[in-house]
C-alpha atoms as a PDB file:
ATOM      1  CA  UNK A   1       1.697  17.100   5.084  1.00  0.00           C
ATOM      2  CA  UNK A   2      -0.015  14.259   3.258  1.00  0.00           C
ATOM      3  CA  UNK A   3       0.788  10.614   3.960  1.00  0.00           C
ATOM      4  CA  UNK A   4       0.464   7.319   2.100  1.00  0.00           C
ATOM      5  CA  UNK A   5       0.515   4.120   4.166  1.00  0.00           C
ATOM      6  CA  UNK A   6       1.789   1.043   2.392  1.00  0.00           C
ATOM      7  CA  UNK A   7       0.061  -2.280   2.953  1.00  0.00           C
ATOM      8  CA  UNK A   8       2.359  -3.211   5.857  1.00  0.00           C
ATOM      9  CA  UNK A   9       0.978  -0.384   8.014  1.00  0.00           C
ATOM     10  CA  UNK A  10      -2.139  -0.863  10.163  1.00  0.00           C
ATOM     11  CA  UNK A  11      -5.329   0.876   9.040  1.00  0.00           C
ATOM     12  CA  UNK A  12      -5.723   2.099  12.635  1.00  0.00           C
ATOM     13  CA  UNK A  13      -2.854   4.517  11.960  1.00  0.00           C
ATOM     14  CA  UNK A  14      -4.788   6.010   9.034  1.00  0.00           C
ATOM     15  CA  UNK A  15      -7.859   6.264  11.260  1.00  0.00           C
ATOM     16  CA  UNK A  16      -5.881   8.071  13.977  1.00  0.00           C
ATOM     17  CA  UNK A  17      -4.458  10.567  11.499  1.00  0.00           C
ATOM     18  CA  UNK A  18      -7.817  11.213   9.862  1.00  0.00           C
ATOM     19  CA  UNK A  19      -9.416  11.924  13.248  1.00  0.00           C
ATOM     20  CA  UNK A  20      -6.911  14.752  13.544  1.00  0.00           C
ATOM     21  CA  UNK A  21      -7.684  16.112  10.088  1.00  0.00           C
ATOM     22  CA  UNK A  22      -4.531  14.802   8.393  1.00  0.00           C
ATOM     23  CA  UNK A  23      -4.782  13.718   4.752  1.00  0.00           C
ATOM     24  CA  UNK A  24      -3.788  10.054   4.406  1.00  0.00           C
ATOM     25  CA  UNK A  25      -4.278   7.291   1.849  1.00  0.00           C
ATOM     26  CA  UNK A  26      -3.835   3.547   2.271  1.00  0.00           C
ATOM     27  CA  UNK A  27      -2.716   0.982  -0.274  1.00  0.00           C
ATOM     28  CA  UNK A  28      -6.169  -0.607  -0.300  1.00  0.00           C
ATOM     29  CA  UNK A  29      -7.892   2.737  -0.786  1.00  0.00           C
ATOM     30  CA  UNK A  30      -5.847   3.635  -3.888  1.00  0.00           C
ATOM     31  CA  UNK A  31      -5.710   0.077  -5.249  1.00  0.00           C
ATOM     32  CA  UNK A  32      -2.029  -0.501  -4.628  1.00  0.00           C
ATOM     33  CA  UNK A  33      -2.304  -3.748  -2.663  1.00  0.00           C
ATOM     34  CA  UNK A  34       0.532  -6.043  -3.754  1.00  0.00           C
ATOM     35  CA  UNK A  35       1.978  -3.232  -5.876  1.00  0.00           C
ATOM     36  CA  UNK A  36       5.721  -2.907  -6.268  1.00  0.00           C
ATOM     37  CA  UNK A  37       7.712  -0.462  -4.164  1.00  0.00           C
ATOM     38  CA  UNK A  38       8.329   1.514  -7.342  1.00  0.00           C
ATOM     39  CA  UNK A  39       4.573   1.861  -7.904  1.00  0.00           C
ATOM     40  CA  UNK A  40       4.078   3.104  -4.338  1.00  0.00           C
ATOM     41  CA  UNK A  41       6.929   5.603  -4.723  1.00  0.00           C
ATOM     42  CA  UNK A  42       5.601   6.833  -8.081  1.00  0.00           C
ATOM     43  CA  UNK A  43       2.085   7.275  -6.650  1.00  0.00           C
ATOM     44  CA  UNK A  44       3.370   9.097  -3.561  1.00  0.00           C
ATOM     45  CA  UNK A  45       5.648  11.360  -5.618  1.00  0.00           C
ATOM     46  CA  UNK A  46       2.815  12.232  -8.017  1.00  0.00           C
ATOM     47  CA  UNK A  47       0.481  13.001  -5.129  1.00  0.00           C
ATOM     48  CA  UNK A  48       3.089  14.708  -2.924  1.00  0.00           C
ATOM     49  CA  UNK A  49       2.625  12.118  -0.162  1.00  0.00           C
ATOM     50  CA  UNK A  50       5.152  10.869   2.360  1.00  0.00           C
ATOM     51  CA  UNK A  51       5.204   7.058   2.417  1.00  0.00           C
ATOM     52  CA  UNK A  52       4.867   5.411   5.822  1.00  0.00           C
ATOM     53  CA  UNK A  53       6.169   1.847   5.878  1.00  0.00           C
ATOM     54  CA  UNK A  54       7.622  -1.027   7.875  1.00  0.00           C
ATOM     55  CA  UNK A  55       9.104  -2.531   4.690  1.00  0.00           C
ATOM     56  CA  UNK A  56      12.909  -2.420   4.755  1.00  0.00           C
ATOM     57  CA  UNK A  57      13.014  -2.493   0.950  1.00  0.00           C
ATOM     58  CA  UNK A  58      12.138   1.213   0.949  1.00  0.00           C
ATOM     59  CA  UNK A  59      15.495   1.912   2.607  1.00  0.00           C
ATOM     60  CA  UNK A  60      17.523   1.256  -0.534  1.00  0.00           C
ATOM     61  CA  UNK A  61      18.306   4.927  -0.995  1.00  0.00           C
ATOM     62  CA  UNK A  62      20.526   4.345  -4.009  1.00  0.00           C
ATOM     63  CA  UNK A  63      17.524   2.947  -5.891  1.00  0.00           C
ATOM     64  CA  UNK A  64      15.046   5.699  -4.937  1.00  0.00           C
ATOM     65  CA  UNK A  65      14.329   8.631  -7.233  1.00  0.00           C
ATOM     66  CA  UNK A  66      15.779  11.834  -5.771  1.00  0.00           C
ATOM     67  CA  UNK A  67      12.422  13.579  -5.964  1.00  0.00           C
ATOM     68  CA  UNK A  68      10.392  11.150  -3.853  1.00  0.00           C
ATOM     69  CA  UNK A  69       8.120  12.958  -1.409  1.00  0.00           C
ATOM     70  CA  UNK A  70       9.727  11.357   1.643  1.00  0.00           C
ATOM     71  CA  UNK A  71       9.615   8.089   3.547  1.00  0.00           C
ATOM     72  CA  UNK A  72       8.948   7.323   7.194  1.00  0.00           C
ATOM     73  CA  UNK A  73      10.214   3.894   8.238  1.00  0.00           C
ATOM     74  CA  UNK A  74       9.651   2.065  11.489  1.00  0.00           C
ATOM     75  CA  UNK A  75      10.592  -1.587  12.072  1.00  0.00           C
ATOM     76  CA  UNK A  76       7.814  -4.071  12.746  1.00  0.00           C
ATOM     77  CA  UNK A  77       7.051  -4.372  16.445  1.00  0.00           C
ATOM     78  CA  UNK A  78       9.144  -1.340  17.382  1.00  0.00           C
ATOM     79  CA  UNK A  79       6.292   1.116  17.997  1.00  0.00           C
ATOM     80  CA  UNK A  80       2.679   0.967  19.090  1.00  0.00           C
ATOM     81  CA  UNK A  81      -0.026   2.344  16.825  1.00  0.00           C
ATOM     82  CA  UNK A  82      -0.410   5.327  19.152  1.00  0.00           C
ATOM     83  CA  UNK A  83       3.321   6.053  19.068  1.00  0.00           C
ATOM     84  CA  UNK A  84       3.364   6.024  15.266  1.00  0.00           C
ATOM     85  CA  UNK A  85       0.289   8.264  15.080  1.00  0.00           C
ATOM     86  CA  UNK A  86       1.845  10.755  17.538  1.00  0.00           C
ATOM     87  CA  UNK A  87       5.142  10.744  15.581  1.00  0.00           C
ATOM     88  CA  UNK A  88       3.364  11.440  12.287  1.00  0.00           C
ATOM     89  CA  UNK A  89       1.268  14.205  13.866  1.00  0.00           C
ATOM     90  CA  UNK A  90       4.475  15.794  15.159  1.00  0.00           C
ATOM     91  CA  UNK A  91       6.014  15.584  11.670  1.00  0.00           C
ATOM     92  CA  UNK A  92       2.887  17.138  10.207  1.00  0.00           C
ATOM     93  CA  UNK A  93       3.049  19.987  12.711  1.00  0.00           C
ATOM     94  CA  UNK A  94       6.789  20.646  12.511  1.00  0.00           C
ATOM     95  CA  UNK A  95       7.976  19.948   8.952  1.00  0.00           C
ATOM     96  CA  UNK A  96       7.102  21.536   5.641  1.00  0.00           C
ATOM     97  CA  UNK A  97       6.446  19.249   2.667  1.00  0.00           C
ATOM     98  CA  UNK A  98       9.577  20.428   0.878  1.00  0.00           C
ATOM     99  CA  UNK A  99      11.697  19.432   3.878  1.00  0.00           C
ATOM    100  CA  UNK A 100      10.717  15.793   3.341  1.00  0.00           C
ATOM    101  CA  UNK A 101      11.541  15.581  -0.380  1.00  0.00           C
ATOM    102  CA  UNK A 102      14.213  12.925  -0.884  1.00  0.00           C
ATOM    103  CA  UNK A 103      14.413  12.268   2.871  1.00  0.00           C
ATOM    104  CA  UNK A 104      13.992   9.129   4.972  1.00  0.00           C
ATOM    105  CA  UNK A 105      12.906   9.470   8.603  1.00  0.00           C
ATOM    106  CA  UNK A 106      13.283   6.640  11.093  1.00  0.00           C
ATOM    107  CA  UNK A 107      10.399   6.632  13.541  1.00  0.00           C
END
């Protein structure tokens, strides 16, 4: 599974995933800082990446394209960096990419 972290997610999460060999991009890395949610979704769909976010705006399911690669949402302050990293590693180990298409997971 490949992930894309929006700008609301700590870079330490990307570092933790990369140390475990998981493919992850950040908003800064792909020049999407201050990009719209639609731009993040389009990038992630094109690249087959699950978006990881704390931004509630991504939860407007009725406005999302049906073919988005998946979204993982966790509210700000609800999880430690380690907890989020462990959750994403578990997803990577247990789910196939196609199982995340059009799906929102609450971490």
